Amino acid sequence: MESPCIRICVIDPADGLCEGCRRSRHEIACWTSYTDAERRRIMQELKTRTSVVKDRMLRETP
């Protein structure tokens, strides 16, 4: 089963997402019970979540 986990498992208190994979606690907890289609949909969404975080970090860097 494919997983976005990169073993940096820390929940960001600002947005409630894992700093490593950008999944929510709920998504992490339910990952193995999701269908393949649900996991693929989330994997696609994670690309956007990751780019949003990178953009935010770039704006906040002096």
PDB file of N, CA and C in Angstrom:
ATOM      1  N   MET A   1       0.847  -1.178   0.000  1.00  0.00           N
ATOM      2  CA  MET A   1       0.000   0.000   0.000  1.00  0.00           C
ATOM      3  C   MET A   1       0.891   1.239   0.000  1.00  0.00           C
ATOM      4  N   GLU A   2       0.645   2.114  -0.933  1.00  0.00           N
ATOM      5  CA  GLU A   2       1.407   3.357  -1.022  1.00  0.00           C
ATOM      6  C   GLU A   2       1.030   4.285   0.133  1.00  0.00           C
ATOM      7  N   SER A   3       2.029   4.970   0.649  1.00  0.00           N
ATOM      8  CA  SER A   3       1.804   5.920   1.736  1.00  0.00           C
ATOM      9  C   SER A   3       2.718   7.130   1.523  1.00  0.00           C
ATOM     10  N   PRO A   4       2.228   8.331   1.858  1.00  0.00           N
ATOM     11  CA  PRO A   4       3.062   9.523   1.733  1.00  0.00           C
ATOM     12  C   PRO A   4       3.983   9.736   2.936  1.00  0.00           C
ATOM     13  N   CYS A   5       3.911   8.857   3.927  1.00  0.00           N
ATOM     14  CA  CYS A   5       4.689   9.025   5.148  1.00  0.00           C
ATOM     15  C   CYS A   5       6.189   9.036   4.839  1.00  0.00           C
ATOM     16  N   ILE A   6       6.887  10.046   5.398  1.00  0.00           N
ATOM     17  CA  ILE A   6       8.341  10.117   5.258  1.00  0.00           C
ATOM     18  C   ILE A   6       9.011  10.053   6.634  1.00  0.00           C
ATOM     19  N   ARG A   7       8.262   9.601   7.617  1.00  0.00           N
ATOM     20  CA  ARG A   7       8.732   9.377   8.981  1.00  0.00           C
ATOM     21  C   ARG A   7       9.215  10.645   9.687  1.00  0.00           C
ATOM     22  N   ILE A   8       8.580  11.752   9.346  1.00  0.00           N
ATOM     23  CA  ILE A   8       8.738  12.996  10.101  1.00  0.00           C
ATOM     24  C   ILE A   8       7.349  13.277  10.655  1.00  0.00           C
ATOM     25  N   CYS A   9       7.025  12.597  11.734  1.00  0.00           N
ATOM     26  CA  CYS A   9       5.653  12.580  12.243  1.00  0.00           C
ATOM     27  C   CYS A   9       5.475  13.594  13.367  1.00  0.00           C
ATOM     28  N   VAL A  10       5.247  14.827  12.966  1.00  0.00           N
ATOM     29  CA  VAL A  10       5.031  15.929  13.910  1.00  0.00           C
ATOM     30  C   VAL A  10       3.844  16.729  13.394  1.00  0.00           C
ATOM     31  N   ILE A  11       2.830  16.880  14.234  1.00  0.00           N
ATOM     32  CA  ILE A  11       1.649  17.644  13.830  1.00  0.00           C
ATOM     33  C   ILE A  11       1.921  19.134  14.055  1.00  0.00           C
ATOM     34  N   ASP A  12       1.751  19.909  12.995  1.00  0.00           N
ATOM     35  CA  ASP A  12       1.931  21.361  13.045  1.00  0.00           C
ATOM     36  C   ASP A  12       0.730  21.959  13.769  1.00  0.00           C
ATOM     37  N   PRO A  13       0.938  22.625  14.906  1.00  0.00           N
ATOM     38  CA  PRO A  13      -0.189  23.178  15.647  1.00  0.00           C
ATOM     39  C   PRO A  13      -0.925  24.293  14.889  1.00  0.00           C
ATOM     40  N   ALA A  14      -0.252  24.918  13.941  1.00  0.00           N
ATOM     41  CA  ALA A  14      -0.883  26.018  13.199  1.00  0.00           C
ATOM     42  C   ALA A  14      -1.967  25.523  12.249  1.00  0.00           C
ATOM     43  N   ASP A  15      -1.734  24.381  11.586  1.00  0.00           N
ATOM     44  CA  ASP A  15      -2.728  23.909  10.623  1.00  0.00           C
ATOM     45  C   ASP A  15      -3.234  22.497  10.898  1.00  0.00           C
ATOM     46  N   GLY A  16      -2.672  21.825  11.902  1.00  0.00           N
ATOM     47  CA  GLY A  16      -3.145  20.492  12.267  1.00  0.00           C
ATOM     48  C   GLY A  16      -2.719  19.390  11.315  1.00  0.00           C
ATOM     49  N   LEU A  17      -1.741  19.679  10.450  1.00  0.00           N
ATOM     50  CA  LEU A  17      -1.276  18.694   9.486  1.00  0.00           C
ATOM     51  C   LEU A  17       0.112  18.196   9.873  1.00  0.00           C
ATOM     52  N   CYS A  18       0.402  16.973   9.484  1.00  0.00           N
ATOM     53  CA  CYS A  18       1.720  16.399   9.738  1.00  0.00           C
ATOM     54  C   CYS A  18       2.768  17.181   8.952  1.00  0.00           C
ATOM     55  N   GLU A  19       3.850  17.553   9.610  1.00  0.00           N
ATOM     56  CA  GLU A  19       4.905  18.320   8.942  1.00  0.00           C
ATOM     57  C   GLU A  19       5.629  17.497   7.888  1.00  0.00           C
ATOM     58  N   GLY A  20       5.611  16.181   8.024  1.00  0.00           N
ATOM     59  CA  GLY A  20       6.283  15.323   7.061  1.00  0.00           C
ATOM     60  C   GLY A  20       5.457  15.054   5.817  1.00  0.00           C
ATOM     61  N   CYS A  21       4.249  14.545   6.001  1.00  0.00           N
ATOM     62  CA  CYS A  21       3.436  14.117   4.854  1.00  0.00           C
ATOM     63  C   CYS A  21       2.275  15.047   4.528  1.00  0.00           C
ATOM     64  N   ARG A  22       1.955  15.978   5.424  1.00  0.00           N
ATOM     65  CA  ARG A  22       0.885  16.970   5.249  1.00  0.00           C
ATOM     66  C   ARG A  22      -0.518  16.388   5.350  1.00  0.00           C
ATOM     67  N   ARG A  23      -0.634  15.151   5.895  1.00  0.00           N
ATOM     68  CA  ARG A  23      -1.969  14.593   6.134  1.00  0.00           C
ATOM     69  C   ARG A  23      -2.482  15.059   7.488  1.00  0.00           C
ATOM     70  N   SER A  24      -3.808  15.061   7.621  1.00  0.00           N
ATOM     71  CA  SER A  24      -4.428  15.370   8.908  1.00  0.00           C
ATOM     72  C   SER A  24      -4.342  14.133   9.808  1.00  0.00           C
ATOM     73  N   ARG A  25      -4.569  14.341  11.092  1.00  0.00           N
ATOM     74  CA  ARG A  25      -4.588  13.203  12.029  1.00  0.00           C
ATOM     75  C   ARG A  25      -5.629  12.172  11.581  1.00  0.00           C
ATOM     76  N   HIS A  26      -6.779  12.659  11.149  1.00  0.00           N
ATOM     77  CA  HIS A  26      -7.850  11.761  10.708  1.00  0.00           C
ATOM     78  C   HIS A  26      -7.407  10.937   9.491  1.00  0.00           C
ATOM     79  N   GLU A  27      -6.777  11.590   8.532  1.00  0.00           N
ATOM     80  CA  GLU A  27      -6.306  10.886   7.336  1.00  0.00           C
ATOM     81  C   GLU A  27      -5.255   9.839   7.696  1.00  0.00           C
ATOM     82  N   ILE A  28      -4.374  10.176   8.618  1.00  0.00           N
ATOM     83  CA  ILE A  28      -3.343   9.228   9.054  1.00  0.00           C
ATOM     84  C   ILE A  28      -4.006   8.024   9.726  1.00  0.00           C
ATOM     85  N   ALA A  29      -4.924   8.285  10.637  1.00  0.00           N
ATOM     86  CA  ALA A  29      -5.587   7.213  11.383  1.00  0.00           C
ATOM     87  C   ALA A  29      -6.405   6.288  10.482  1.00  0.00           C
ATOM     88  N   CYS A  30      -7.003   6.836   9.454  1.00  0.00           N
ATOM     89  CA  CYS A  30      -7.896   6.062   8.588  1.00  0.00           C
ATOM     90  C   CYS A  30      -7.219   5.520   7.331  1.00  0.00           C
ATOM     91  N   TRP A  31      -5.953   5.800   7.142  1.00  0.00           N
ATOM     92  CA  TRP A  31      -5.260   5.492   5.886  1.00  0.00           C
ATOM     93  C   TRP A  31      -5.476   4.047   5.430  1.00  0.00           C
ATOM     94  N   THR A  32      -5.312   3.095   6.321  1.00  0.00           N
ATOM     95  CA  THR A  32      -5.414   1.687   5.911  1.00  0.00           C
ATOM     96  C   THR A  32      -6.843   1.258   5.601  1.00  0.00           C
ATOM     97  N   SER A  33      -7.819   2.010   6.060  1.00  0.00           N
ATOM     98  CA  SER A  33      -9.209   1.640   5.772  1.00  0.00           C
ATOM     99  C   SER A  33      -9.769   2.350   4.534  1.00  0.00           C
ATOM    100  N   TYR A  34      -9.034   3.326   4.004  1.00  0.00           N
ATOM    101  CA  TYR A  34      -9.479   4.017   2.789  1.00  0.00           C
ATOM    102  C   TYR A  34      -9.385   3.093   1.584  1.00  0.00           C
ATOM    103  N   THR A  35     -10.218   3.337   0.602  1.00  0.00           N
ATOM    104  CA  THR A  35     -10.118   2.616  -0.662  1.00  0.00           C
ATOM    105  C   THR A  35      -8.910   3.148  -1.431  1.00  0.00           C
ATOM    106  N   ASP A  36      -8.495   2.415  -2.455  1.00  0.00           N
ATOM    107  CA  ASP A  36      -7.391   2.886  -3.293  1.00  0.00           C
ATOM    108  C   ASP A  36      -7.715   4.249  -3.897  1.00  0.00           C
ATOM    109  N   ALA A  37      -8.964   4.426  -4.319  1.00  0.00           N
ATOM    110  CA  ALA A  37      -9.378   5.697  -4.926  1.00  0.00           C
ATOM    111  C   ALA A  37      -9.282   6.842  -3.921  1.00  0.00           C
ATOM    112  N   GLU A  38      -9.690   6.594  -2.678  1.00  0.00           N
ATOM    113  CA  GLU A  38      -9.611   7.633  -1.645  1.00  0.00           C
ATOM    114  C   GLU A  38      -8.154   7.995  -1.355  1.00  0.00           C
ATOM    115  N   ARG A  39      -7.285   6.993  -1.278  1.00  0.00           N
ATOM    116  CA  ARG A  39      -5.868   7.275  -1.036  1.00  0.00           C
ATOM    117  C   ARG A  39      -5.254   8.047  -2.201  1.00  0.00           C
ATOM    118  N   ARG A  40      -5.605   7.689  -3.430  1.00  0.00           N
ATOM    119  CA  ARG A  40      -5.083   8.423  -4.595  1.00  0.00           C
ATOM    120  C   ARG A  40      -5.543   9.875  -4.580  1.00  0.00           C
ATOM    121  N   ARG A  41      -6.811  10.104  -4.205  1.00  0.00           N
ATOM    122  CA  ARG A  41      -7.339  11.473  -4.136  1.00  0.00           C
ATOM    123  C   ARG A  41      -6.560  12.288  -3.104  1.00  0.00           C
ATOM    124  N   ILE A  42      -6.317  11.711  -1.951  1.00  0.00           N
ATOM    125  CA  ILE A  42      -5.575  12.415  -0.905  1.00  0.00           C
ATOM    126  C   ILE A  42      -4.144  12.669  -1.355  1.00  0.00           C
ATOM    127  N   MET A  43      -3.523  11.680  -2.002  1.00  0.00           N
ATOM    128  CA  MET A  43      -2.146  11.858  -2.490  1.00  0.00           C
ATOM    129  C   MET A  43      -2.081  13.040  -3.454  1.00  0.00           C
ATOM    130  N   GLN A  44      -3.085  13.212  -4.293  1.00  0.00           N
ATOM    131  CA  GLN A  44      -3.120  14.358  -5.204  1.00  0.00           C
ATOM    132  C   GLN A  44      -3.260  15.665  -4.426  1.00  0.00           C
ATOM    133  N   GLU A  45      -4.124  15.669  -3.424  1.00  0.00           N
ATOM    134  CA  GLU A  45      -4.332  16.862  -2.601  1.00  0.00           C
ATOM    135  C   GLU A  45      -3.059  17.251  -1.846  1.00  0.00           C
ATOM    136  N   LEU A  46      -2.275  16.257  -1.457  1.00  0.00           N
ATOM    137  CA  LEU A  46      -1.057  16.532  -0.693  1.00  0.00           C
ATOM    138  C   LEU A  46      -0.070  17.369  -1.493  1.00  0.00           C
ATOM    139  N   LYS A  47      -0.055  17.199  -2.807  1.00  0.00           N
ATOM    140  CA  LYS A  47       0.838  18.009  -3.648  1.00  0.00           C
ATOM    141  C   LYS A  47       0.519  19.488  -3.488  1.00  0.00           C
ATOM    142  N   THR A  48      -0.755  19.816  -3.443  1.00  0.00           N
ATOM    143  CA  THR A  48      -1.183  21.200  -3.257  1.00  0.00           C
ATOM    144  C   THR A  48      -0.860  21.672  -1.842  1.00  0.00           C
ATOM    145  N   ARG A  49      -1.133  20.829  -0.873  1.00  0.00           N
ATOM    146  CA  ARG A  49      -0.855  21.200   0.517  1.00  0.00           C
ATOM    147  C   ARG A  49       0.631  21.490   0.714  1.00  0.00           C
ATOM    148  N   THR A  50       1.485  20.697   0.109  1.00  0.00           N
ATOM    149  CA  THR A  50       2.919  20.879   0.250  1.00  0.00           C
ATOM    150  C   THR A  50       3.363  22.178  -0.408  1.00  0.00           C
ATOM    151  N   SER A  51       2.844  22.477  -1.590  1.00  0.00           N
ATOM    152  CA  SER A  51       3.257  23.707  -2.272  1.00  0.00           C
ATOM    153  C   SER A  51       2.757  24.941  -1.530  1.00  0.00           C
ATOM    154  N   VAL A  52       1.598  24.866  -0.916  1.00  0.00           N
ATOM    155  CA  VAL A  52       1.074  25.990  -0.132  1.00  0.00           C
ATOM    156  C   VAL A  52       1.988  26.258   1.049  1.00  0.00           C
ATOM    157  N   VAL A  53       2.443  25.220   1.710  1.00  0.00           N
ATOM    158  CA  VAL A  53       3.336  25.379   2.856  1.00  0.00           C
ATOM    159  C   VAL A  53       4.669  25.974   2.408  1.00  0.00           C
ATOM    160  N   LYS A  54       5.225  25.485   1.302  1.00  0.00           N
ATOM    161  CA  LYS A  54       6.494  26.023   0.807  1.00  0.00           C
ATOM    162  C   LYS A  54       6.350  27.494   0.459  1.00  0.00           C
ATOM    163  N   ASP A  55       5.249  27.876  -0.184  1.00  0.00           N
ATOM    164  CA  ASP A  55       5.016  29.275  -0.523  1.00  0.00           C
ATOM    165  C   ASP A  55       4.941  30.132   0.740  1.00  0.00           C
ATOM    166  N   ARG A  56       4.241  29.645   1.754  1.00  0.00           N
ATOM    167  CA  ARG A  56       4.107  30.382   3.013  1.00  0.00           C
ATOM    168  C   ARG A  56       5.469  30.569   3.672  1.00  0.00           C
ATOM    169  N   MET A  57       6.292  29.520   3.651  1.00  0.00           N
ATOM    170  CA  MET A  57       7.619  29.604   4.268  1.00  0.00           C
ATOM    171  C   MET A  57       8.489  30.612   3.533  1.00  0.00           C
ATOM    172  N   LEU A  58       8.393  30.645   2.218  1.00  0.00           N
ATOM    173  CA  LEU A  58       9.173  31.607   1.439  1.00  0.00           C
ATOM    174  C   LEU A  58       8.759  33.035   1.744  1.00  0.00           C
ATOM    175  N   ARG A  59       7.475  33.279   1.915  1.00  0.00           N
ATOM    176  CA  ARG A  59       6.987  34.629   2.225  1.00  0.00           C
ATOM    177  C   ARG A  59       7.420  35.074   3.610  1.00  0.00           C
ATOM    178  N   GLU A  60       7.511  34.121   4.558  1.00  0.00           N
ATOM    179  CA  GLU A  60       7.843  34.461   5.934  1.00  0.00           C
ATOM    180  C   GLU A  60       9.347  34.610   6.149  1.00  0.00           C
ATOM    181  N   THR A  61      10.155  34.149   5.211  1.00  0.00           N
ATOM    182  CA  THR A  61      11.605  34.248   5.344  1.00  0.00           C
ATOM    183  C   THR A  61      12.059  35.661   5.002  1.00  0.00           C
ATOM    184  N   PRO A  62      12.798  36.304   5.932  1.00  0.00           N
ATOM    185  CA  PRO A  62      13.246  37.692   5.678  1.00  0.00           C
ATOM    186  C   PRO A  62      14.278  37.791   4.570  1.00  0.00           C
TER     187      PRO A  62
END
